[in-house]
Amino acid sequence: MDQEERTVTYDFELGIEAYRLKGIIQNFPNHFHEYYVIGFIESGQRYLSCRNMEYNIKTGDIILFNPFDNHACARIDNSTMDYRCLNIKPEVMKRLTKELTGKEYLPRFLEPVAYKSELVSLLRELHQMIMEQRKDFEKEEIFFFLMEQVIAEYTGTFSQELPSDTNPEIRSVCEYIEKNYNENITLDDLSHAANINKYSLLRSFTKYKGITPYQYLVTIRINKAKQLLEQGIEPMEAALSTGFTDQSHFTNFFKKFIGLTPKQYQNIFKEDNINESINKQ
């Protein structure tokens, strides 16, 4: 079995993260991110669940997640996986669409999987440049060419941009969680926020969002904790600030969702901030 390698690099010039998870056997639970994900399988295969649909993904397939797309993946056999991806925040994507189309909007990927995509080679090249921390403008050039094709081939029209939640009960629950994620939230609290009974809340929320209220809460906490870690806040303080009862509990959830420990994730930004400072001198 290959030794696991978990590597993440933040590119300050493009404003995006590049992940590489090699030799991975870990299953990832149902969760979502607040950013776009464009990834590909370099080797191996997985079961993917996204937006309540099932997919088999293999070498050469591109994975496309919108912000808040619920997804999970699991091993098909005993083989390991080499997975690479780019994480793009909505504000970066909005600036990008303005440059590429003249319209400032958030595009929506219509399908989460592009089988045997011809764009894998370009995506791999860009990913490698980011991992190597290349500074010449060829990297940005490839990024624009890649995203131009991704948006043209895999997203909806301008009128099909990312939708907002329209169900007022579910929106109330989401807003309550997003406002009080660092508190001890109970199902009664959420039931009162939505003004429906607890079972109806669980059933409706899970059907509408594709994720349970508790999974939504944990995902919000992890995303908030990532922001604190990026700012240099120590893992223990980040854990307590985002509603986790202790650092062990926090670390277990963080690694399940992100694939790295909180300290490993934070070290990426410490190292890159040092490199960035040196390069600017």
Protein backbone atom coordinates (compact mmCIF):
# COMPACT_ATOMS: atom_id res chain seq x y z
CA MET A 1 0.00 0.00 0.00
CA ASP A 2 1.29 3.47 -0.86
CA GLN A 3 2.21 5.78 1.98
CA GLU A 4 -0.34 8.53 2.47
CA GLU A 5 0.63 12.02 1.36
CA ARG A 6 -1.60 14.99 2.14
CA THR A 7 -0.35 18.24 0.62
CA VAL A 8 -2.04 21.61 0.31
CA THR A 9 -0.62 24.82 -1.15
CA TYR A 10 -2.24 28.24 -1.14
CA ASP A 11 -1.52 30.41 -4.18
CA PHE A 12 -1.62 34.06 -3.16
CA GLU A 13 -1.47 35.32 -6.76
CA LEU A 14 -4.54 33.37 -7.89
CA GLY A 15 -6.24 33.29 -4.49
CA ILE A 16 -6.94 29.54 -4.62
CA GLU A 17 -5.96 26.37 -2.76
CA ALA A 18 -4.46 23.29 -4.42
CA TYR A 19 -4.92 19.93 -2.68
CA ARG A 20 -3.19 16.64 -3.35
CA LEU A 21 -4.25 13.53 -1.44
CA LYS A 22 -2.12 10.55 -2.49
CA GLY A 23 -2.42 6.95 -1.26
CA ILE A 24 -5.68 7.81 0.50
CA ILE A 25 -8.00 5.12 1.86
CA GLN A 26 -10.13 7.46 3.98
CA ASN A 27 -13.87 7.77 3.33
CA PHE A 28 -15.25 11.31 3.50
CA PRO A 29 -18.65 11.85 5.17
CA ASN A 30 -21.53 13.84 3.73
CA HIS A 31 -20.58 17.51 3.92
CA PHE A 32 -20.24 20.67 1.82
CA HIS A 33 -17.82 23.53 1.25
CA GLU A 34 -18.45 27.24 0.95
CA TYR A 35 -16.27 27.36 -2.16
CA TYR A 36 -16.11 25.79 -5.63
CA VAL A 37 -14.11 22.60 -6.07
CA ILE A 38 -12.59 21.49 -9.38
CA GLY A 39 -10.77 18.20 -8.95
CA PHE A 40 -9.67 15.09 -10.76
CA ILE A 41 -8.78 11.48 -10.01
CA GLU A 42 -5.16 10.82 -10.93
CA SER A 43 -5.42 7.16 -9.96
CA GLY A 44 -7.93 4.93 -8.20
CA GLN A 45 -11.72 4.95 -8.09
CA ARG A 46 -14.46 5.98 -5.69
CA TYR A 47 -18.18 6.01 -5.09
CA LEU A 48 -19.34 9.62 -5.07
CA SER A 49 -22.64 10.86 -3.70
CA CYS A 50 -23.52 14.45 -4.65
CA ARG A 51 -26.86 16.26 -4.54
CA ASN A 52 -28.44 12.91 -3.62
CA MET A 53 -27.20 11.20 -6.80
CA GLU A 54 -24.65 8.36 -7.02
CA TYR A 55 -21.61 8.23 -9.32
CA ASN A 56 -18.59 6.00 -9.91
CA ILE A 57 -15.54 8.16 -10.52
CA LYS A 58 -12.24 6.93 -11.95
CA THR A 59 -8.91 8.06 -13.34
CA GLY A 60 -9.37 10.94 -15.79
CA ASP A 61 -12.73 12.12 -14.45
CA ILE A 62 -13.21 15.72 -13.33
CA ILE A 63 -15.23 16.52 -10.21
CA LEU A 64 -17.13 19.82 -10.09
CA PHE A 65 -18.74 21.02 -6.85
CA ASN A 66 -20.65 24.26 -6.38
CA PRO A 67 -20.56 25.99 -3.00
CA PHE A 68 -22.90 24.14 -0.61
CA ASP A 69 -23.21 21.04 -2.83
CA ASN A 70 -23.49 18.20 -0.33
CA HIS A 71 -21.21 15.31 -1.20
CA ALA A 72 -19.55 12.20 0.23
CA CYS A 73 -17.16 9.60 -1.17
CA ALA A 74 -16.22 6.05 -0.25
CA ARG A 75 -13.80 3.35 -1.38
CA ILE A 76 -14.92 0.87 -4.01
CA ASP A 77 -12.23 -1.71 -3.27
CA ASN A 78 -8.97 -1.90 -1.35
CA SER A 79 -7.10 0.35 -3.78
CA THR A 80 -5.84 3.77 -2.73
CA MET A 81 -6.71 7.07 -4.39
CA ASP A 82 -4.62 9.92 -5.75
CA TYR A 83 -6.93 12.94 -5.85
CA ARG A 84 -6.05 16.52 -6.74
CA CYS A 85 -8.23 19.61 -6.70
CA LEU A 86 -8.44 23.39 -6.78
CA ASN A 87 -10.62 25.25 -4.28
CA ILE A 88 -11.98 28.58 -5.50
CA LYS A 89 -13.81 30.99 -3.20
CA PRO A 90 -17.00 32.62 -4.53
CA GLU A 91 -15.47 36.10 -4.51
CA VAL A 92 -12.59 34.85 -6.68
CA MET A 93 -15.01 33.10 -9.04
CA LYS A 94 -17.11 36.25 -9.33
CA ARG A 95 -14.09 38.33 -10.32
CA LEU A 96 -13.11 35.62 -12.77
CA THR A 97 -16.48 35.52 -14.54
CA LYS A 98 -16.34 39.31 -14.84
CA GLU A 99 -12.98 39.04 -16.62
CA LEU A 100 -14.06 36.15 -18.83
CA THR A 101 -17.65 37.08 -19.71
CA GLY A 102 -18.06 40.73 -18.82
CA LYS A 103 -20.75 39.75 -16.29
CA GLU A 104 -20.11 39.50 -12.56
CA TYR A 105 -21.99 36.44 -11.35
CA LEU A 106 -21.59 33.04 -9.69
CA PRO A 107 -21.87 30.25 -12.26
CA ARG A 108 -23.40 26.89 -11.43
CA PHE A 109 -21.94 23.54 -12.43
CA LEU A 110 -24.81 21.54 -13.91
CA GLU A 111 -23.34 18.10 -13.18
CA PRO A 112 -20.79 17.12 -10.50
CA VAL A 113 -18.84 14.72 -12.74
CA ALA A 114 -17.32 15.17 -16.21
CA TYR A 115 -16.25 11.70 -17.31
CA LYS A 116 -12.93 11.34 -19.17
CA SER A 117 -12.69 15.09 -19.66
CA GLU A 118 -10.17 16.48 -22.13
CA LEU A 119 -9.50 19.27 -19.64
CA VAL A 120 -7.75 16.95 -17.19
CA SER A 121 -4.32 17.57 -18.74
CA LEU A 122 -4.69 21.36 -18.46
CA LEU A 123 -6.02 21.06 -14.92
CA ARG A 124 -3.11 18.78 -13.99
CA GLU A 125 -0.60 21.26 -15.44
CA LEU A 126 -2.07 24.18 -13.49
CA HIS A 127 -2.26 22.12 -10.32
CA GLN A 128 1.42 21.18 -10.62
CA MET A 129 2.45 24.80 -11.17
CA ILE A 130 0.63 25.84 -7.99
CA MET A 131 2.17 23.00 -5.99
CA GLU A 132 5.61 24.07 -7.22
CA GLN A 133 4.77 27.69 -6.30
CA ARG A 134 5.59 28.96 -9.77
CA LYS A 135 5.70 32.75 -9.99
CA ASP A 136 5.77 33.43 -13.74
CA PHE A 137 2.59 34.58 -15.44
CA GLU A 138 2.22 31.36 -17.47
CA LYS A 139 0.39 29.98 -14.42
CA GLU A 140 -2.21 32.76 -14.50
CA GLU A 141 -2.50 32.40 -18.26
CA ILE A 142 -3.31 28.68 -17.98
CA PHE A 143 -5.76 29.42 -15.15
CA PHE A 144 -7.73 31.79 -17.39
CA PHE A 145 -7.73 29.40 -20.36
CA LEU A 146 -8.82 26.49 -18.16
CA MET A 147 -11.61 28.37 -16.42
CA GLU A 148 -12.87 29.80 -19.72
CA GLN A 149 -13.41 26.23 -20.97
CA VAL A 150 -14.79 24.94 -17.66
CA ILE A 151 -17.39 27.71 -17.51
CA ALA A 152 -18.30 27.30 -21.20
CA GLU A 153 -18.63 23.50 -21.08
CA TYR A 154 -19.89 22.67 -17.60
CA THR A 155 -21.91 25.58 -16.22
CA GLY A 156 -25.36 26.94 -16.92
CA THR A 157 -26.18 30.21 -18.59
CA PHE A 158 -26.13 33.51 -16.75
CA SER A 159 -29.77 32.97 -15.71
CA GLN A 160 -28.81 29.61 -14.15
CA GLU A 161 -26.41 30.99 -11.59
CA LEU A 162 -26.27 29.67 -8.03
CA PRO A 163 -29.77 29.78 -6.52
CA SER A 164 -30.58 31.12 -3.09
CA ASP A 165 -32.68 29.14 -0.63
CA THR A 166 -36.36 29.86 -1.17
CA ASN A 167 -37.89 27.65 1.54
CA PRO A 168 -38.43 30.09 4.44
CA GLU A 169 -38.42 27.40 7.15
CA ILE A 170 -35.16 25.88 5.98
CA ARG A 171 -33.65 29.31 5.44
CA SER A 172 -34.53 30.19 9.05
CA VAL A 173 -32.76 27.09 10.32
CA CYS A 174 -29.66 27.81 8.21
CA GLU A 175 -29.54 31.40 9.38
CA TYR A 176 -29.91 30.32 13.02
CA ILE A 177 -27.04 27.83 12.67
CA GLU A 178 -24.83 30.32 10.82
CA LYS A 179 -25.41 32.93 13.54
CA ASN A 180 -25.09 30.63 16.57
CA TYR A 181 -22.69 27.92 15.36
CA ASN A 182 -20.33 28.53 18.32
CA GLU A 183 -23.10 27.92 20.86
CA ASN A 184 -24.62 24.68 22.19
CA ILE A 185 -27.46 24.41 19.66
CA THR A 186 -30.31 21.98 20.36
CA LEU A 187 -32.93 20.48 18.08
CA ASP A 188 -35.51 22.42 20.10
CA ASP A 189 -33.71 25.65 19.16
CA LEU A 190 -33.92 24.77 15.48
CA SER A 191 -37.53 23.65 15.78
CA HIS A 192 -38.45 27.02 17.31
CA ALA A 193 -36.49 28.88 14.62
CA ALA A 194 -38.42 27.08 11.87
CA ASN A 195 -41.70 27.00 13.79
CA ILE A 196 -42.24 23.31 12.97
CA ASN A 197 -41.90 20.14 15.06
CA LYS A 198 -38.56 18.40 15.36
CA TYR A 199 -39.29 15.40 13.16
CA SER A 200 -40.76 17.55 10.38
CA LEU A 201 -37.68 19.74 10.63
CA LEU A 202 -35.29 16.80 10.28
CA ARG A 203 -37.20 15.31 7.37
CA SER A 204 -37.68 18.59 5.49
CA PHE A 205 -34.16 19.91 6.07
CA THR A 206 -32.48 16.69 4.97
CA LYS A 207 -34.67 16.39 1.89
CA TYR A 208 -34.19 20.01 0.89
CA LYS A 209 -30.47 20.42 1.69
CA GLY A 210 -29.29 16.84 1.14
CA ILE A 211 -27.57 16.96 4.54
CA THR A 212 -28.86 16.71 8.13
CA PRO A 213 -29.05 19.79 10.39
CA TYR A 214 -26.20 18.42 12.52
CA GLN A 215 -24.00 17.78 9.48
CA TYR A 216 -24.77 21.33 8.35
CA LEU A 217 -23.75 22.68 11.78
CA VAL A 218 -20.46 20.74 11.83
CA THR A 219 -19.63 21.85 8.29
CA ILE A 220 -20.24 25.50 9.19
CA ARG A 221 -18.02 25.08 12.26
CA ILE A 222 -15.22 23.50 10.21
CA ASN A 223 -15.40 26.25 7.57
CA LYS A 224 -15.25 28.95 10.26
CA ALA A 225 -12.36 27.15 11.96
CA LYS A 226 -10.45 27.06 8.66
CA GLN A 227 -10.68 30.84 8.47
CA LEU A 228 -9.31 31.20 12.01
CA LEU A 229 -6.45 28.78 11.32
CA GLU A 230 -5.55 30.75 8.18
CA GLN A 231 -5.28 33.86 10.37
CA GLY A 232 -2.82 32.13 12.72
CA ILE A 233 -5.24 31.28 15.55
CA GLU A 234 -4.01 28.18 17.38
CA PRO A 235 -6.07 24.98 16.92
CA MET A 236 -7.25 24.85 20.55
CA GLU A 237 -8.57 28.41 20.41
CA ALA A 238 -10.10 27.80 16.97
CA ALA A 239 -11.85 24.70 18.33
CA LEU A 240 -13.38 26.50 21.30
CA SER A 241 -14.27 29.58 19.23
CA THR A 242 -16.29 27.50 16.77
CA GLY A 243 -18.30 25.44 19.23
CA PHE A 244 -16.25 22.24 19.57
CA THR A 245 -16.05 20.89 23.10
CA ASP A 246 -12.34 20.01 22.95
CA GLN A 247 -9.40 19.87 20.55
CA SER A 248 -9.57 16.09 20.08
CA HIS A 249 -13.20 16.31 18.99
CA PHE A 250 -12.29 19.18 16.66
CA THR A 251 -9.27 17.39 15.16
CA ASN A 252 -11.28 14.24 14.40
CA PHE A 253 -13.99 16.17 12.56
CA PHE A 254 -11.49 18.41 10.76
CA LYS A 255 -9.52 15.48 9.36
CA LYS A 256 -12.71 13.67 8.31
CA PHE A 257 -13.94 16.70 6.38
CA ILE A 258 -10.71 18.31 5.13
CA GLY A 259 -8.28 15.40 4.98
CA LEU A 260 -5.67 17.18 7.15
CA THR A 261 -5.27 17.87 10.85
CA PRO A 262 -5.88 21.49 11.91
CA LYS A 263 -2.14 21.98 12.54
CA GLN A 264 -1.21 20.59 9.12
CA TYR A 265 -3.69 22.95 7.50
CA GLN A 266 -2.46 25.95 9.46
CA ASN A 267 1.19 25.23 8.62
CA ILE A 268 0.42 25.71 4.93
CA PHE A 269 -0.44 29.33 5.53
CA LYS A 270 2.45 29.92 7.91
CA GLU A 271 4.95 28.64 5.33
CA ASP A 272 3.31 30.44 2.42
CA ASN A 273 3.08 33.71 4.35
CA ILE A 274 6.82 33.48 5.06
CA ASN A 275 7.57 32.71 1.38
CA GLU A 276 5.30 35.51 0.25
CA SER A 277 7.00 37.97 2.59
CA ILE A 278 10.46 36.92 1.36
CA ASN A 279 9.45 37.16 -2.29
CA LYS A 280 8.15 40.69 -1.81
CA GLN A 281 11.37 41.96 -0.22
